[in-house]
Amino acid sequence: MKLKNSRLMLTLAFGFILTACGPVVEEESITAVGSSALQPLVEAAGEQYSSENIGKFINVQGGGSGTGLSQIAADAVEIGNSDIFAEEKDGIDASKLVDHRVAVVGITPIVTPGTGVTDISIEELNKIFTGKITNWSELGGNDLPITVLNRASGSGTRATFEQWVLEEGQNSIITQEQESSGTVRQIVANTPGTISYVAFSYVNDDVVALSIDGVEPKDENVKINDWPIWSYEHMYTNGEPTGLTKDFLDYILSEEIQSTLIEALGYIPTSQMEIQRDVEGNTIPVE
């Protein structure tokens, strides 16, 4: 009788343990690599998605658009984040990649507070980044040497900026380069006379975002192409996405995220654009 009771108690105890532990959650993860301009959005969306889907994890890494495109083309990650079209990247077969445009981002020149300049022309930007203008006093500002800071050569932010600021065949002067937009902002904020460029989503009170030809760097001006320095935020997959990759992309493209997180983090939903742009930079009105 005691033996039967002992067995019964063990069975009940084991049952209580299983109940307390709950169902076993199968863990799964994917990795998205690339654009630092897009990184804050993918990180925030990934954290929110994981909190709503227990056991599903979205690993997000930077490295620049070039890295993202190379990695997804090599099928080394599930998602390659990029500010540029895959067709603009040398050495990869863009025809194998599927483009998921999740947002639009404006890109603005930023300077250290105290230069005395708040508005600039495209021509003047060109002369700064090609070394023809070297002091802020030449633009009506303070007598302060200009320090040019670039993103690394594989950066989609840099490619977009140079596409609209430099002329065909021109190169930016050889100068310090940085891999991440966050580091660029920090250096500009703390190094007098420095100029660089970042996505709108990285602008804060530590730096001054310059107007161009009297047009302010605002979403409203990007939507109608009055502010020309902008790019789509692409999330590329190698072939059509499946499983967790598809589910996460559907999530970030959902009305829930497009109407809340996108704008809260300084991006523009593609649905709000009044024009669209192709890989050649040509624009047409959205029908």
C-alpha atoms as a PDB file:
ATOM      1  CA  MET A   1       0.000   0.000   0.000  1.00  0.00           C
ATOM      2  CA  LYS A   2       2.839   2.372   0.898  1.00  0.00           C
ATOM      3  CA  LEU A   3       4.581   1.504  -2.388  1.00  0.00           C
ATOM      4  CA  LYS A   4       1.453   2.320  -4.404  1.00  0.00           C
ATOM      5  CA  ASN A   5       1.053   5.610  -2.562  1.00  0.00           C
ATOM      6  CA  SER A   6       4.699   6.491  -3.227  1.00  0.00           C
ATOM      7  CA  ARG A   7       4.286   5.795  -6.941  1.00  0.00           C
ATOM      8  CA  LEU A   8       1.120   7.897  -7.024  1.00  0.00           C
ATOM      9  CA  MET A   9       2.886  10.793  -5.312  1.00  0.00           C
ATOM     10  CA  LEU A  10       5.803  10.605  -7.792  1.00  0.00           C
ATOM     11  CA  THR A  11       3.403  10.597 -10.745  1.00  0.00           C
ATOM     12  CA  LEU A  12       1.513  13.599  -9.401  1.00  0.00           C
ATOM     13  CA  ALA A  13       4.738  15.456  -8.629  1.00  0.00           C
ATOM     14  CA  PHE A  14       6.063  14.831 -12.155  1.00  0.00           C
ATOM     15  CA  GLY A  15       2.783  16.071 -13.579  1.00  0.00           C
ATOM     16  CA  PHE A  16       2.970  19.235 -11.504  1.00  0.00           C
ATOM     17  CA  ILE A  17       6.538  19.870 -12.755  1.00  0.00           C
ATOM     18  CA  LEU A  18       5.480  19.531 -16.397  1.00  0.00           C
ATOM     19  CA  THR A  19       2.521  21.837 -15.812  1.00  0.00           C
ATOM     20  CA  ALA A  20       4.693  24.422 -14.089  1.00  0.00           C
ATOM     21  CA  CYS A  21       7.270  24.368 -16.860  1.00  0.00           C
ATOM     22  CA  GLY A  22       4.633  24.852 -19.559  1.00  0.00           C
ATOM     23  CA  PRO A  23       4.997  23.805 -23.175  1.00  0.00           C
ATOM     24  CA  VAL A  24       8.477  23.582 -24.661  1.00  0.00           C
ATOM     25  CA  VAL A  25       9.184  26.605 -26.883  1.00  0.00           C
ATOM     26  CA  GLU A  26      11.132  25.878 -30.035  1.00  0.00           C
ATOM     27  CA  GLU A  27      13.714  28.639 -30.531  1.00  0.00           C
ATOM     28  CA  GLU A  28      14.520  29.999 -33.979  1.00  0.00           C
ATOM     29  CA  SER A  29      16.595  32.931 -35.197  1.00  0.00           C
ATOM     30  CA  ILE A  30      17.553  34.794 -38.355  1.00  0.00           C
ATOM     31  CA  THR A  31      20.278  37.353 -39.054  1.00  0.00           C
ATOM     32  CA  ALA A  32      19.958  40.683 -40.871  1.00  0.00           C
ATOM     33  CA  VAL A  33      23.199  42.463 -41.827  1.00  0.00           C
ATOM     34  CA  GLY A  34      24.097  45.709 -43.569  1.00  0.00           C
ATOM     35  CA  SER A  35      22.971  49.332 -43.685  1.00  0.00           C
ATOM     36  CA  SER A  36      23.629  51.353 -40.535  1.00  0.00           C
ATOM     37  CA  ALA A  37      20.950  53.836 -41.655  1.00  0.00           C
ATOM     38  CA  LEU A  38      18.372  51.044 -41.540  1.00  0.00           C
ATOM     39  CA  GLN A  39      19.819  49.333 -38.462  1.00  0.00           C
ATOM     40  CA  PRO A  40      17.846  51.257 -35.774  1.00  0.00           C
ATOM     41  CA  LEU A  41      14.544  50.351 -37.428  1.00  0.00           C
ATOM     42  CA  VAL A  42      15.347  46.667 -37.895  1.00  0.00           C
ATOM     43  CA  GLU A  43      16.669  46.418 -34.333  1.00  0.00           C
ATOM     44  CA  ALA A  44      13.561  48.041 -32.848  1.00  0.00           C
ATOM     45  CA  ALA A  45      11.192  46.004 -35.013  1.00  0.00           C
ATOM     46  CA  GLY A  46      13.141  42.849 -34.190  1.00  0.00           C
ATOM     47  CA  GLU A  47      12.905  43.446 -30.448  1.00  0.00           C
ATOM     48  CA  GLN A  48       9.184  44.149 -30.682  1.00  0.00           C
ATOM     49  CA  TYR A  49       8.611  41.095 -32.875  1.00  0.00           C
ATOM     50  CA  SER A  50      10.547  38.849 -30.459  1.00  0.00           C
ATOM     51  CA  SER A  51       8.548  40.138 -27.494  1.00  0.00           C
ATOM     52  CA  GLU A  52       5.341  39.165 -29.306  1.00  0.00           C
ATOM     53  CA  ASN A  53       6.681  35.835 -30.591  1.00  0.00           C
ATOM     54  CA  ILE A  54       8.422  33.956 -27.795  1.00  0.00           C
ATOM     55  CA  GLY A  55      11.420  31.952 -28.960  1.00  0.00           C
ATOM     56  CA  LYS A  56      11.842  33.878 -32.226  1.00  0.00           C
ATOM     57  CA  PHE A  57      14.959  36.046 -32.405  1.00  0.00           C
ATOM     58  CA  ILE A  58      16.125  38.622 -34.967  1.00  0.00           C
ATOM     59  CA  ASN A  59      19.892  39.208 -34.879  1.00  0.00           C
ATOM     60  CA  VAL A  60      20.815  42.572 -36.411  1.00  0.00           C
ATOM     61  CA  GLN A  61      24.305  43.694 -37.413  1.00  0.00           C
ATOM     62  CA  GLY A  62      25.637  46.772 -39.220  1.00  0.00           C
ATOM     63  CA  GLY A  63      28.657  46.901 -41.484  1.00  0.00           C
ATOM     64  CA  GLY A  64      27.201  49.009 -44.295  1.00  0.00           C
ATOM     65  CA  SER A  65      25.076  48.343 -47.356  1.00  0.00           C
ATOM     66  CA  GLY A  66      27.952  46.796 -49.295  1.00  0.00           C
ATOM     67  CA  THR A  67      28.433  44.200 -46.582  1.00  0.00           C
ATOM     68  CA  GLY A  68      24.715  43.480 -46.447  1.00  0.00           C
ATOM     69  CA  LEU A  69      24.494  42.932 -50.197  1.00  0.00           C
ATOM     70  CA  SER A  70      27.621  40.770 -50.319  1.00  0.00           C
ATOM     71  CA  GLN A  71      26.424  38.637 -47.411  1.00  0.00           C
ATOM     72  CA  ILE A  72      22.934  38.029 -48.783  1.00  0.00           C
ATOM     73  CA  ALA A  73      24.290  37.350 -52.284  1.00  0.00           C
ATOM     74  CA  ALA A  74      26.557  34.702 -50.741  1.00  0.00           C
ATOM     75  CA  ASP A  75      23.542  33.280 -48.867  1.00  0.00           C
ATOM     76  CA  ALA A  76      25.466  33.789 -45.612  1.00  0.00           C
ATOM     77  CA  VAL A  77      22.563  35.555 -43.850  1.00  0.00           C
ATOM     78  CA  GLU A  78      18.788  35.608 -44.153  1.00  0.00           C
ATOM     79  CA  ILE A  79      18.430  39.351 -44.862  1.00  0.00           C
ATOM     80  CA  GLY A  80      20.770  41.932 -46.394  1.00  0.00           C
ATOM     81  CA  ASN A  81      19.924  45.528 -45.451  1.00  0.00           C
ATOM     82  CA  SER A  82      20.844  48.223 -47.966  1.00  0.00           C
ATOM     83  CA  ASP A  83      20.331  51.913 -48.778  1.00  0.00           C
ATOM     84  CA  ILE A  84      21.136  51.262 -52.439  1.00  0.00           C
ATOM     85  CA  PHE A  85      19.670  49.033 -55.119  1.00  0.00           C
ATOM     86  CA  ALA A  86      21.411  45.674 -55.459  1.00  0.00           C
ATOM     87  CA  GLU A  87      22.049  46.542 -59.120  1.00  0.00           C
ATOM     88  CA  GLU A  88      24.398  49.309 -57.951  1.00  0.00           C
ATOM     89  CA  LYS A  89      26.692  46.843 -56.181  1.00  0.00           C
ATOM     90  CA  ASP A  90      29.529  45.371 -58.249  1.00  0.00           C
ATOM     91  CA  GLY A  91      30.384  41.694 -57.991  1.00  0.00           C
ATOM     92  CA  ILE A  92      26.963  40.262 -57.140  1.00  0.00           C
ATOM     93  CA  ASP A  93      24.106  38.787 -59.170  1.00  0.00           C
ATOM     94  CA  ALA A  94      21.245  41.132 -58.325  1.00  0.00           C
ATOM     95  CA  SER A  95      18.790  39.025 -60.341  1.00  0.00           C
ATOM     96  CA  LYS A  96      18.842  36.356 -57.613  1.00  0.00           C
ATOM     97  CA  LEU A  97      17.850  38.795 -54.877  1.00  0.00           C
ATOM     98  CA  VAL A  98      14.322  39.840 -53.933  1.00  0.00           C
ATOM     99  CA  ASP A  99      13.837  43.469 -52.902  1.00  0.00           C
ATOM    100  CA  HIS A 100      11.595  44.330 -49.942  1.00  0.00           C
ATOM    101  CA  ARG A 101      11.389  48.132 -49.595  1.00  0.00           C
ATOM    102  CA  VAL A 102      10.379  48.778 -46.015  1.00  0.00           C
ATOM    103  CA  ALA A 103      10.839  52.556 -45.771  1.00  0.00           C
ATOM    104  CA  VAL A 104      12.414  55.710 -47.171  1.00  0.00           C
ATOM    105  CA  VAL A 105      15.069  57.745 -45.390  1.00  0.00           C
ATOM    106  CA  GLY A 106      16.349  61.252 -46.014  1.00  0.00           C
ATOM    107  CA  ILE A 107      20.077  61.936 -45.768  1.00  0.00           C
ATOM    108  CA  THR A 108      21.385  65.306 -44.616  1.00  0.00           C
ATOM    109  CA  PRO A 109      24.749  67.031 -44.239  1.00  0.00           C
ATOM    110  CA  ILE A 110      25.542  67.686 -40.580  1.00  0.00           C
ATOM    111  CA  VAL A 111      28.085  70.018 -39.005  1.00  0.00           C
ATOM    112  CA  THR A 112      29.441  70.818 -35.583  1.00  0.00           C
ATOM    113  CA  PRO A 113      27.561  73.624 -33.809  1.00  0.00           C
ATOM    114  CA  GLY A 114      29.455  76.902 -34.115  1.00  0.00           C
ATOM    115  CA  THR A 115      30.423  76.925 -37.793  1.00  0.00           C
ATOM    116  CA  GLY A 116      28.148  79.900 -38.422  1.00  0.00           C
ATOM    117  CA  VAL A 117      26.566  78.163 -41.430  1.00  0.00           C
ATOM    118  CA  THR A 118      23.050  76.706 -41.482  1.00  0.00           C
ATOM    119  CA  ASP A 119      22.224  76.740 -45.205  1.00  0.00           C
ATOM    120  CA  ILE A 120      24.351  75.567 -48.113  1.00  0.00           C
ATOM    121  CA  SER A 121      24.025  74.894 -51.831  1.00  0.00           C
ATOM    122  CA  ILE A 122      24.701  71.635 -53.651  1.00  0.00           C
ATOM    123  CA  GLU A 123      27.544  73.414 -55.468  1.00  0.00           C
ATOM    124  CA  GLU A 124      29.098  74.471 -52.160  1.00  0.00           C
ATOM    125  CA  LEU A 125      28.764  70.940 -50.776  1.00  0.00           C
ATOM    126  CA  ASN A 126      30.502  69.691 -53.899  1.00  0.00           C
ATOM    127  CA  LYS A 127      33.378  72.122 -53.374  1.00  0.00           C
ATOM    128  CA  ILE A 128      33.740  71.120 -49.715  1.00  0.00           C
ATOM    129  CA  PHE A 129      33.846  67.392 -50.409  1.00  0.00           C
ATOM    130  CA  THR A 130      36.283  67.842 -53.314  1.00  0.00           C
ATOM    131  CA  GLY A 131      38.602  70.078 -51.283  1.00  0.00           C
ATOM    132  CA  LYS A 132      37.951  73.387 -53.086  1.00  0.00           C
ATOM    133  CA  ILE A 133      36.408  75.095 -50.031  1.00  0.00           C
ATOM    134  CA  THR A 134      38.406  74.570 -46.845  1.00  0.00           C
ATOM    135  CA  ASN A 135      37.218  77.204 -44.359  1.00  0.00           C
ATOM    136  CA  TRP A 136      33.726  78.049 -43.117  1.00  0.00           C
ATOM    137  CA  SER A 137      34.479  81.763 -43.588  1.00  0.00           C
ATOM    138  CA  GLU A 138      34.368  81.161 -47.373  1.00  0.00           C
ATOM    139  CA  LEU A 139      30.651  80.449 -46.916  1.00  0.00           C
ATOM    140  CA  GLY A 140      29.985  83.447 -44.674  1.00  0.00           C
ATOM    141  CA  GLY A 141      30.586  81.487 -41.492  1.00  0.00           C
ATOM    142  CA  ASN A 142      33.228  81.653 -38.788  1.00  0.00           C
ATOM    143  CA  ASP A 143      36.964  81.549 -39.482  1.00  0.00           C
ATOM    144  CA  LEU A 144      37.267  77.834 -38.846  1.00  0.00           C
ATOM    145  CA  PRO A 145      38.979  75.141 -40.925  1.00  0.00           C
ATOM    146  CA  ILE A 146      36.623  72.569 -42.453  1.00  0.00           C
ATOM    147  CA  THR A 147      37.230  68.932 -41.562  1.00  0.00           C
ATOM    148  CA  VAL A 148      35.526  66.476 -43.922  1.00  0.00           C
ATOM    149  CA  LEU A 149      34.415  63.145 -42.485  1.00  0.00           C
ATOM    150  CA  ASN A 150      33.193  60.400 -44.820  1.00  0.00           C
ATOM    151  CA  ARG A 151      31.481  57.072 -44.351  1.00  0.00           C
ATOM    152  CA  ALA A 152      33.431  54.019 -45.527  1.00  0.00           C
ATOM    153  CA  SER A 153      33.450  53.202 -49.236  1.00  0.00           C
ATOM    154  CA  GLY A 154      30.902  50.380 -48.875  1.00  0.00           C
ATOM    155  CA  SER A 155      28.345  52.640 -47.222  1.00  0.00           C
ATOM    156  CA  GLY A 156      24.992  53.085 -48.945  1.00  0.00           C
ATOM    157  CA  THR A 157      24.551  56.398 -47.143  1.00  0.00           C
ATOM    158  CA  ARG A 158      27.785  57.614 -48.727  1.00  0.00           C
ATOM    159  CA  ALA A 159      26.793  56.303 -52.161  1.00  0.00           C
ATOM    160  CA  THR A 160      23.464  58.142 -51.985  1.00  0.00           C
ATOM    161  CA  PHE A 161      25.050  61.367 -50.750  1.00  0.00           C
ATOM    162  CA  GLU A 162      27.739  61.336 -53.441  1.00  0.00           C
ATOM    163  CA  GLN A 163      25.208  60.489 -56.159  1.00  0.00           C
ATOM    164  CA  TRP A 164      23.473  63.828 -55.591  1.00  0.00           C
ATOM    165  CA  VAL A 165      26.413  65.993 -54.489  1.00  0.00           C
ATOM    166  CA  LEU A 166      29.319  64.920 -56.699  1.00  0.00           C
ATOM    167  CA  GLU A 167      29.394  65.073 -60.473  1.00  0.00           C
ATOM    168  CA  GLU A 168      30.054  62.024 -62.631  1.00  0.00           C
ATOM    169  CA  GLY A 169      33.727  61.083 -62.446  1.00  0.00           C
ATOM    170  CA  GLN A 170      34.373  63.155 -59.318  1.00  0.00           C
ATOM    171  CA  ASN A 171      35.746  61.648 -56.118  1.00  0.00           C
ATOM    172  CA  SER A 172      35.605  62.950 -52.583  1.00  0.00           C
ATOM    173  CA  ILE A 173      38.895  64.074 -51.081  1.00  0.00           C
ATOM    174  CA  ILE A 174      40.846  61.433 -49.181  1.00  0.00           C
ATOM    175  CA  THR A 175      39.954  61.921 -45.549  1.00  0.00           C
ATOM    176  CA  GLN A 176      38.963  60.084 -42.392  1.00  0.00           C
ATOM    177  CA  GLU A 177      36.280  57.425 -42.880  1.00  0.00           C
ATOM    178  CA  GLN A 178      33.972  55.736 -40.395  1.00  0.00           C
ATOM    179  CA  GLU A 179      31.947  52.526 -40.605  1.00  0.00           C
ATOM    180  CA  SER A 180      28.872  53.606 -38.646  1.00  0.00           C
ATOM    181  CA  SER A 181      26.505  56.568 -38.683  1.00  0.00           C
ATOM    182  CA  GLY A 182      26.479  56.674 -34.887  1.00  0.00           C
ATOM    183  CA  THR A 183      30.247  57.157 -34.784  1.00  0.00           C
ATOM    184  CA  VAL A 184      30.029  59.822 -37.498  1.00  0.00           C
ATOM    185  CA  ARG A 185      27.491  61.790 -35.466  1.00  0.00           C
ATOM    186  CA  GLN A 186      29.634  61.544 -32.330  1.00  0.00           C
ATOM    187  CA  ILE A 187      32.776  62.772 -34.104  1.00  0.00           C
ATOM    188  CA  VAL A 188      30.955  65.657 -35.803  1.00  0.00           C
ATOM    189  CA  ALA A 189      29.399  66.699 -32.492  1.00  0.00           C
ATOM    190  CA  ASN A 190      32.762  66.813 -30.719  1.00  0.00           C
ATOM    191  CA  THR A 191      35.190  68.025 -33.408  1.00  0.00           C
ATOM    192  CA  PRO A 192      34.865  71.755 -34.239  1.00  0.00           C
ATOM    193  CA  GLY A 193      34.456  72.559 -37.936  1.00  0.00           C
ATOM    194  CA  THR A 194      33.581  69.021 -39.032  1.00  0.00           C
ATOM    195  CA  ILE A 195      31.064  68.173 -41.756  1.00  0.00           C
ATOM    196  CA  SER A 196      29.624  64.795 -42.703  1.00  0.00           C
ATOM    197  CA  TYR A 197      26.220  63.275 -43.522  1.00  0.00           C
ATOM    198  CA  VAL A 198      23.762  60.894 -41.867  1.00  0.00           C
ATOM    199  CA  ALA A 199      20.223  59.628 -42.254  1.00  0.00           C
ATOM    200  CA  PHE A 200      17.545  61.865 -40.735  1.00  0.00           C
ATOM    201  CA  SER A 201      17.012  59.187 -38.092  1.00  0.00           C
ATOM    202  CA  TYR A 202      20.490  59.911 -36.648  1.00  0.00           C
ATOM    203  CA  VAL A 203      20.095  63.685 -36.311  1.00  0.00           C
ATOM    204  CA  ASN A 204      19.895  65.015 -32.750  1.00  0.00           C
ATOM    205  CA  ASP A 205      20.597  68.238 -30.848  1.00  0.00           C
ATOM    206  CA  ASP A 206      24.348  67.534 -30.728  1.00  0.00           C
ATOM    207  CA  VAL A 207      24.766  68.404 -34.418  1.00  0.00           C
ATOM    208  CA  VAL A 208      23.372  70.935 -36.903  1.00  0.00           C
ATOM    209  CA  ALA A 209      21.554  69.573 -39.954  1.00  0.00           C
ATOM    210  CA  LEU A 210      22.106  71.978 -42.857  1.00  0.00           C
ATOM    211  CA  SER A 211      19.385  73.200 -45.185  1.00  0.00           C
ATOM    212  CA  ILE A 212      20.200  72.917 -48.896  1.00  0.00           C
ATOM    213  CA  ASP A 213      19.306  75.845 -51.155  1.00  0.00           C
ATOM    214  CA  GLY A 214      16.809  77.013 -48.542  1.00  0.00           C
ATOM    215  CA  VAL A 215      15.060  73.642 -48.266  1.00  0.00           C
ATOM    216  CA  GLU A 216      15.023  72.096 -44.795  1.00  0.00           C
ATOM    217  CA  PRO A 217      15.860  68.422 -44.236  1.00  0.00           C
ATOM    218  CA  LYS A 218      12.335  67.321 -43.362  1.00  0.00           C
ATOM    219  CA  ASP A 219      10.222  64.309 -44.278  1.00  0.00           C
ATOM    220  CA  GLU A 220       7.639  66.531 -45.987  1.00  0.00           C
ATOM    221  CA  ASN A 221      10.288  67.741 -48.430  1.00  0.00           C
ATOM    222  CA  VAL A 222      11.528  64.222 -49.146  1.00  0.00           C
ATOM    223  CA  LYS A 223       8.018  63.001 -49.978  1.00  0.00           C
ATOM    224  CA  ILE A 224       7.723  65.458 -52.875  1.00  0.00           C
ATOM    225  CA  ASN A 225      11.414  65.248 -53.879  1.00  0.00           C
ATOM    226  CA  ASP A 226      12.153  68.868 -52.924  1.00  0.00           C
ATOM    227  CA  TRP A 227      14.892  67.295 -50.810  1.00  0.00           C
ATOM    228  CA  PRO A 228      16.747  65.109 -53.335  1.00  0.00           C
ATOM    229  CA  ILE A 229      19.150  63.239 -51.051  1.00  0.00           C
ATOM    230  CA  TRP A 230      17.080  60.237 -50.002  1.00  0.00           C
ATOM    231  CA  SER A 231      17.000  56.514 -50.533  1.00  0.00           C
ATOM    232  CA  TYR A 232      14.782  53.502 -50.163  1.00  0.00           C
ATOM    233  CA  GLU A 233      15.544  51.191 -47.267  1.00  0.00           C
ATOM    234  CA  HIS A 234      15.838  47.761 -48.880  1.00  0.00           C
ATOM    235  CA  MET A 235      15.747  44.419 -47.079  1.00  0.00           C
ATOM    236  CA  TYR A 236      16.983  41.861 -49.604  1.00  0.00           C
ATOM    237  CA  THR A 237      16.488  38.100 -49.485  1.00  0.00           C
ATOM    238  CA  ASN A 238      18.169  35.459 -51.607  1.00  0.00           C
ATOM    239  CA  GLY A 239      15.072  34.247 -53.422  1.00  0.00           C
ATOM    240  CA  GLU A 240      11.557  34.475 -52.043  1.00  0.00           C
ATOM    241  CA  PRO A 241      11.567  34.449 -48.220  1.00  0.00           C
ATOM    242  CA  THR A 242      10.073  31.601 -46.208  1.00  0.00           C
ATOM    243  CA  GLY A 243       9.476  30.712 -42.578  1.00  0.00           C
ATOM    244  CA  LEU A 244      10.662  33.160 -39.936  1.00  0.00           C
ATOM    245  CA  THR A 245      12.268  35.439 -42.537  1.00  0.00           C
ATOM    246  CA  LYS A 246       8.970  35.883 -44.380  1.00  0.00           C
ATOM    247  CA  ASP A 247       7.046  36.309 -41.142  1.00  0.00           C
ATOM    248  CA  PHE A 248       9.382  39.065 -39.931  1.00  0.00           C
ATOM    249  CA  LEU A 249       9.342  40.893 -43.266  1.00  0.00           C
ATOM    250  CA  ASP A 250       5.535  40.727 -43.311  1.00  0.00           C
ATOM    251  CA  TYR A 251       5.593  42.123 -39.777  1.00  0.00           C
ATOM    252  CA  ILE A 252       7.827  45.098 -40.620  1.00  0.00           C
ATOM    253  CA  LEU A 253       5.695  45.843 -43.696  1.00  0.00           C
ATOM    254  CA  SER A 254       2.457  45.554 -41.720  1.00  0.00           C
ATOM    255  CA  GLU A 255       0.207  48.533 -41.031  1.00  0.00           C
ATOM    256  CA  GLU A 256       1.032  48.187 -37.322  1.00  0.00           C
ATOM    257  CA  ILE A 257       4.726  48.912 -37.867  1.00  0.00           C
ATOM    258  CA  GLN A 258       4.407  51.216 -40.879  1.00  0.00           C
ATOM    259  CA  SER A 259       2.015  53.534 -39.038  1.00  0.00           C
ATOM    260  CA  THR A 260       3.895  53.633 -35.738  1.00  0.00           C
ATOM    261  CA  LEU A 261       7.510  52.519 -35.475  1.00  0.00           C
ATOM    262  CA  ILE A 262       8.604  53.715 -38.929  1.00  0.00           C
ATOM    263  CA  GLU A 263       7.737  57.359 -38.319  1.00  0.00           C
ATOM    264  CA  ALA A 264       8.651  57.299 -34.624  1.00  0.00           C
ATOM    265  CA  LEU A 265      12.237  56.409 -35.557  1.00  0.00           C
ATOM    266  CA  GLY A 266      12.600  59.061 -38.251  1.00  0.00           C
ATOM    267  CA  TYR A 267      11.805  57.053 -41.385  1.00  0.00           C
ATOM    268  CA  ILE A 268       9.106  57.591 -44.001  1.00  0.00           C
ATOM    269  CA  PRO A 269       6.586  54.892 -44.978  1.00  0.00           C
ATOM    270  CA  THR A 270       6.862  54.188 -48.706  1.00  0.00           C
ATOM    271  CA  SER A 271       3.083  54.636 -48.954  1.00  0.00           C
ATOM    272  CA  GLN A 272       3.489  58.345 -48.130  1.00  0.00           C
ATOM    273  CA  MET A 273       5.849  59.083 -51.018  1.00  0.00           C
ATOM    274  CA  GLU A 274       4.342  61.176 -53.812  1.00  0.00           C
ATOM    275  CA  ILE A 275       7.103  60.156 -56.220  1.00  0.00           C
ATOM    276  CA  GLN A 276       9.086  56.992 -56.830  1.00  0.00           C
ATOM    277  CA  ARG A 277      12.676  56.566 -57.971  1.00  0.00           C
ATOM    278  CA  ASP A 278      14.348  53.865 -60.054  1.00  0.00           C
ATOM    279  CA  VAL A 279      17.899  52.514 -59.934  1.00  0.00           C
ATOM    280  CA  GLU A 280      19.050  55.204 -62.387  1.00  0.00           C
ATOM    281  CA  GLY A 281      17.766  57.977 -60.121  1.00  0.00           C
ATOM    282  CA  ASN A 282      14.840  58.864 -62.375  1.00  0.00           C
ATOM    283  CA  THR A 283      11.674  59.941 -60.576  1.00  0.00           C
ATOM    284  CA  ILE A 284       8.037  59.664 -61.601  1.00  0.00           C
ATOM    285  CA  PRO A 285       4.838  60.594 -59.733  1.00  0.00           C
ATOM    286  CA  VAL A 286       3.103  57.860 -57.769  1.00  0.00           C
ATOM    287  CA  GLU A 287      -0.207  57.051 -59.442  1.00  0.00           C
END
